[in-house]
């Protein structure tokens, strides 16, 4: 009985194969006929007077439209480059601001976080792949076993069917529990190996920032011309610092010319360096209180790599004017 059933199944399979081959062959023949018909129609139209006239019109149209297309393409390329350059320039300006730096820091943090999440998820793929391959192989073997069991064994009684159903359910549950335990153990083992690998990586050394001061172009005395806006206070027109580069001599002398319609009572200079501010009162050296030269000296005990300014305040007791001289 089993041999007869196998022969019937084999004949049915062969019949299906022959039917599929027949339909596939007819489909290929139909496609070939359609392509041949289209080719013949195109050849007849192409060799006809109407087809030749259409071909000439198309050639003339291409000859007319091609220069315009080239000009349009050049404009598109030009303005595309301009747009990219503008966007790149605006991005550089935005990144240079405080908000831009914060935005870049947040964007980089989100990028590295998302990348770490994806890397973590992909690390579980080999374990999941192994699990599903094992499960599929067990299911295929179980299916073939059931088919062979159905074809090679006589029908079971109701009692045996119930017993086999219970045994099958227990086996599926045990199989699922074993695979769940194996998966969890594999995931824990993968995390352990990843932690050990990360622990073996030596920590990156912390870079030490090294400031690079801008060198002074002038080593000796440096003279400046200042201007003030609308003010009722004294006018400061010229000033000088000697020497500008205090690396060779820490003692500096500051001179400023002050003129006013009323007698000037006091002039003060404030040296602003990287970390400190130094207030130095100036004294009248030459001239008079209404038009004279005021001088003051100080010793520089700080660096001026990033901030190097002198603020000058002059007053007649009632009205005050001030000017800031930026030296770097």
Foldseek 3Di string as FASTA:
>chain_A
DLVVVVVVVVVVVVVVVVVVVVVVVVVVVVVVVVVVVVVVVVVVLCPDPNNVVVVVVVVVVCVVCVVVVVVVVVVVVVVVVVVVVVVVVVLVVLCPDPVNVVVVVVVVVVVVVVVVVVVLVVLLVVLVVVLVVVVVVVVVVVVVVVVCCVSPDDDDDPVVVVVVVVVVVVVVVVVVVVSVVVSVVVSVVSVVVVVVVVVPDDDDDDDDDDDDFDDDPAQFKDKDADADDDFQFKTWGIKMKGGLDCPVPQKIKIKIWIAHPAFWDWKWKWWDADPDIDIWTWDFDDDGRHTGMTMTMDGDPDHHRDFTKMKMWIGRVPTIDIDMGGSD
